[in-house]
Amino acid sequence: MPEFAELLRGYRRFREGTYPRQKARFDETVEEGQHPKLMIIGCSDSRVDPAQIFDVDPGEIFVVRNVAALVPPFETTPGLHGVSAAVEFAVQMLQVRQVLVMGHGRCGGCQAALSQTFESATPGSGGFVANWIKLLSDARDDVARRHGTDGRKAELAMEFAAIRQSLANLRTFPWVVEKEEAGTLKLRGAHFSIKDGVLYSLDEETGEFLPEE
């Protein structure tokens, strides 16, 4: 299929150009292992690759991506807790110094949460998505009361609310709270505008998302 052939063309460009230029860096990470100082929790959307947006070298960021960049609250019930495992590994084992939750504009997951598109869907037809974005149920209700459920203003409010919700959920993890209170871990929120290519950071004092220069 042509899609994989295109990937291979990109791989060959990487092998011929990028890899030789960064060979010393790759060798360093092989010898010393990875020691990223920052974890990014981002969306799976194909347009918002953190490594591309932040133009980082191999080994600089530890990334987990999922629909709408969501973090479930801390829980120990039976199940497969992929995001929790990534947070645990990054914070406890890699000892990252910062965790950044990065949402983005035109997020399909946030739009689905806001419109409740897949509310009654079955697995394979949106049911898994519906179950996942239930993490935003309370935030969605608040946004709907304030901004309605239609239009870009409501969508943007939902995107911002999702970032705030994930940050709040991160603070239900005991070791995250412990390190944050000790000053050894910093939690941050950000929103990337695909349309404008601008990153907005969550200001702790005002609670607003402000553009970076």
Protein backbone atom coordinates (compact mmCIF):
# COMPACT_ATOMS: atom_id res chain seq x y z
CA MET A 1 0.00 0.00 0.00
CA PRO A 2 1.31 3.49 -0.88
CA GLU A 3 1.07 4.86 2.67
CA PHE A 4 3.81 2.57 3.97
CA ALA A 5 5.93 3.21 0.90
CA GLU A 6 5.79 6.92 1.72
CA LEU A 7 6.90 6.16 5.28
CA LEU A 8 9.88 4.26 3.93
CA ARG A 9 10.84 7.21 1.76
CA GLY A 10 10.82 9.35 4.88
CA TYR A 11 12.87 6.73 6.71
CA ARG A 12 15.49 6.83 3.96
CA ARG A 13 15.67 10.62 4.24
CA PHE A 14 16.15 10.19 7.97
CA ARG A 15 18.90 7.61 7.47
CA GLU A 16 20.69 9.73 4.89
CA GLY A 17 20.36 13.11 6.60
CA THR A 18 18.99 13.38 10.13
CA TYR A 19 20.54 10.27 11.62
CA PRO A 20 24.14 11.03 10.55
CA ARG A 21 23.77 14.59 11.88
CA GLN A 22 22.50 13.33 15.24
CA LYS A 23 24.61 10.17 15.46
CA ALA A 24 26.57 11.45 18.45
CA ARG A 25 23.33 12.15 20.30
CA PHE A 26 21.93 8.70 19.55
CA ASP A 27 25.21 7.11 20.69
CA GLU A 28 25.04 9.10 23.93
CA THR A 29 21.52 7.86 24.68
CA VAL A 30 22.58 4.28 23.96
CA GLU A 31 25.51 4.53 26.36
CA GLU A 32 23.81 6.51 29.11
CA GLY A 33 20.13 5.69 28.62
CA GLN A 34 17.41 8.27 28.42
CA HIS A 35 17.28 11.15 30.87
CA PRO A 36 14.54 13.50 29.70
CA LYS A 37 13.72 16.35 32.05
CA LEU A 38 10.23 16.92 30.72
CA MET A 39 7.18 14.75 30.04
CA ILE A 40 4.56 15.82 27.53
CA ILE A 41 1.03 14.44 27.57
CA GLY A 42 -0.33 15.25 24.14
CA CYS A 43 -3.10 14.35 21.74
CA SER A 44 -2.81 11.58 19.16
CA ASP A 45 -3.89 14.03 16.44
CA SER A 46 -1.53 13.63 13.48
CA ARG A 47 -1.04 17.40 13.17
CA VAL A 48 0.46 18.05 16.62
CA ASP A 49 3.68 16.11 17.08
CA PRO A 50 5.42 17.50 20.21
CA ALA A 51 8.90 16.68 18.91
CA GLN A 52 8.20 18.70 15.76
CA ILE A 53 6.52 21.61 17.53
CA PHE A 54 9.30 21.99 20.10
CA ASP A 55 12.11 21.05 17.69
CA VAL A 56 13.87 18.82 20.22
CA ASP A 57 16.67 16.30 19.90
CA PRO A 58 16.31 12.57 20.65
CA GLY A 59 16.07 11.85 24.37
CA GLU A 60 14.91 15.34 25.42
CA ILE A 61 11.19 14.69 26.02
CA PHE A 62 9.19 11.70 27.24
CA VAL A 63 5.86 11.65 25.44
CA VAL A 64 2.53 9.89 25.88
CA ARG A 65 -0.25 10.64 23.41
CA ASN A 66 -3.92 9.73 23.42
CA VAL A 67 -7.27 11.06 22.29
CA ALA A 68 -7.62 14.64 23.60
CA ALA A 69 -4.45 14.46 25.75
CA LEU A 70 -6.39 13.14 28.74
CA VAL A 71 -5.14 11.92 32.11
CA PRO A 72 -7.52 9.70 34.09
CA PRO A 73 -7.61 10.26 37.84
CA PHE A 74 -5.48 8.04 40.09
CA GLU A 75 -7.09 4.66 40.75
CA THR A 76 -5.98 1.14 41.58
CA THR A 77 -8.94 -0.81 40.21
CA PRO A 78 -8.21 -3.80 37.97
CA GLY A 79 -7.51 -2.84 34.39
CA LEU A 80 -4.82 -1.62 32.05
CA HIS A 81 -3.84 1.90 33.05
CA GLY A 82 -1.61 3.00 30.20
CA VAL A 83 -1.48 6.73 30.92
CA SER A 84 -1.00 6.11 34.65
CA ALA A 85 1.89 3.76 33.86
CA ALA A 86 3.52 6.43 31.69
CA VAL A 87 3.09 9.07 34.40
CA GLU A 88 4.50 6.71 37.02
CA PHE A 89 7.50 5.83 34.86
CA ALA A 90 8.26 9.43 33.94
CA VAL A 91 7.85 10.91 37.40
CA GLN A 92 9.13 8.10 39.58
CA MET A 93 11.72 6.31 37.45
CA LEU A 94 12.95 8.96 35.01
CA GLN A 95 12.38 11.71 37.58
CA VAL A 96 11.31 14.32 35.07
CA ARG A 97 11.20 17.83 36.46
CA GLN A 98 8.15 19.03 34.54
CA VAL A 99 4.96 17.54 33.11
CA LEU A 100 3.26 19.47 30.32
CA VAL A 101 -0.32 18.72 29.27
CA MET A 102 -0.64 20.02 25.72
CA GLY A 103 -4.01 20.28 24.03
CA HIS A 104 -4.61 21.84 20.63
CA GLY A 105 -7.04 23.59 18.36
CA ARG A 106 -9.68 21.72 16.38
CA CYS A 107 -9.37 18.69 18.68
CA GLY A 108 -11.72 15.96 17.50
CA GLY A 109 -11.84 14.34 20.93
CA CYS A 110 -12.92 17.58 22.57
CA GLN A 111 -15.48 18.20 19.83
CA ALA A 112 -16.89 14.72 20.39
CA ALA A 113 -17.07 15.32 24.14
CA LEU A 114 -18.82 18.65 23.65
CA SER A 115 -21.34 17.42 21.09
CA GLN A 116 -21.67 13.96 22.71
CA THR A 117 -21.37 12.55 19.20
CA PHE A 118 -20.61 8.98 20.28
CA GLU A 119 -22.74 8.92 23.43
CA SER A 120 -24.73 5.80 22.47
CA ALA A 121 -22.15 4.22 20.14
CA THR A 122 -20.93 0.65 20.49
CA PRO A 123 -17.27 -0.46 20.44
CA GLY A 124 -16.01 -0.25 16.87
CA SER A 125 -18.42 2.56 16.06
CA GLY A 126 -17.20 5.12 18.54
CA GLY A 127 -17.97 3.33 21.78
CA PHE A 128 -14.38 3.25 22.97
CA VAL A 129 -14.05 6.95 22.20
CA ALA A 130 -17.27 7.69 24.08
CA ASN A 131 -16.09 5.80 27.15
CA TRP A 132 -12.72 7.56 27.11
CA ILE A 133 -14.03 11.11 26.76
CA LYS A 134 -16.45 10.57 29.64
CA LEU A 135 -13.44 11.80 31.59
CA LEU A 136 -14.58 15.23 30.39
CA SER A 137 -18.24 14.90 31.41
CA ASP A 138 -18.17 17.44 34.25
CA ALA A 139 -16.00 19.87 32.29
CA ARG A 140 -18.27 19.49 29.28
CA ASP A 141 -21.39 20.32 31.29
CA ASP A 142 -19.75 23.47 32.62
CA VAL A 143 -18.67 24.57 29.15
CA ALA A 144 -22.14 23.85 27.74
CA ARG A 145 -23.75 26.01 30.44
CA ARG A 146 -21.37 28.90 29.80
CA HIS A 147 -20.83 28.74 26.04
CA GLY A 148 -23.33 26.29 24.56
CA THR A 149 -22.25 23.35 22.43
CA ASP A 150 -21.89 24.90 18.97
CA GLY A 151 -19.33 27.17 17.39
CA ARG A 152 -15.63 27.77 17.71
CA LYS A 153 -15.94 29.67 21.01
CA ALA A 154 -17.49 26.64 22.69
CA GLU A 155 -14.94 24.29 21.13
CA LEU A 156 -12.03 26.41 22.33
CA ALA A 157 -13.50 26.56 25.83
CA MET A 158 -13.79 22.77 25.78
CA GLU A 159 -10.17 22.41 24.66
CA PHE A 160 -9.00 24.65 27.49
CA ALA A 161 -11.23 22.83 29.99
CA ALA A 162 -9.79 19.46 28.95
CA ILE A 163 -6.26 20.66 29.71
CA ARG A 164 -7.34 21.95 33.11
CA GLN A 165 -9.12 18.66 33.82
CA SER A 166 -6.03 16.60 33.02
CA LEU A 167 -3.93 18.81 35.28
CA ALA A 168 -6.45 18.37 38.08
CA ASN A 169 -6.41 14.60 37.54
CA LEU A 170 -2.60 14.57 37.66
CA ARG A 171 -2.89 16.07 41.13
CA THR A 172 -4.81 13.00 42.32
CA PHE A 173 -1.61 10.94 41.99
CA PRO A 174 0.04 10.87 45.44
CA TRP A 175 3.62 10.97 44.20
CA VAL A 176 2.84 13.82 41.80
CA VAL A 177 1.38 15.91 44.62
CA GLU A 178 4.31 15.05 46.89
CA LYS A 179 6.89 16.14 44.35
CA GLU A 180 4.97 19.24 43.34
CA GLU A 181 4.68 20.36 46.96
CA ALA A 182 8.39 19.67 47.46
CA GLY A 183 9.22 21.86 44.48
CA THR A 184 10.88 19.06 42.49
CA LEU A 185 8.08 18.74 39.91
CA LYS A 186 6.28 21.40 37.92
CA LEU A 187 2.93 20.88 36.17
CA ARG A 188 2.12 23.00 33.14
CA GLY A 189 -0.67 23.37 30.63
CA ALA A 190 -0.43 24.51 27.01
CA HIS A 191 -2.59 24.75 23.90
CA PHE A 192 -1.23 24.69 20.36
CA SER A 193 -3.15 26.49 17.65
CA ILE A 194 -2.83 24.50 14.44
CA LYS A 195 -4.29 27.37 12.44
CA ASP A 196 -1.80 29.98 13.64
CA GLY A 197 1.16 27.83 14.74
CA VAL A 198 1.12 29.60 18.13
CA LEU A 199 1.59 27.96 21.53
CA TYR A 200 -0.50 29.29 24.42
CA SER A 201 0.68 28.57 27.97
CA LEU A 202 -1.60 28.39 30.99
CA ASP A 203 -0.78 31.26 33.34
CA GLU A 204 -0.91 30.12 36.96
CA GLU A 205 -1.89 33.51 38.35
CA THR A 206 -4.68 34.43 35.94
CA GLY A 207 -5.78 30.96 34.86
CA GLU A 208 -5.74 32.17 31.26
CA PHE A 209 -3.94 30.80 28.24
CA LEU A 210 -1.44 33.37 27.00
CA PRO A 211 0.55 33.27 23.73
CA GLU A 212 4.28 32.57 23.81
CA GLU A 213 6.54 34.87 21.84
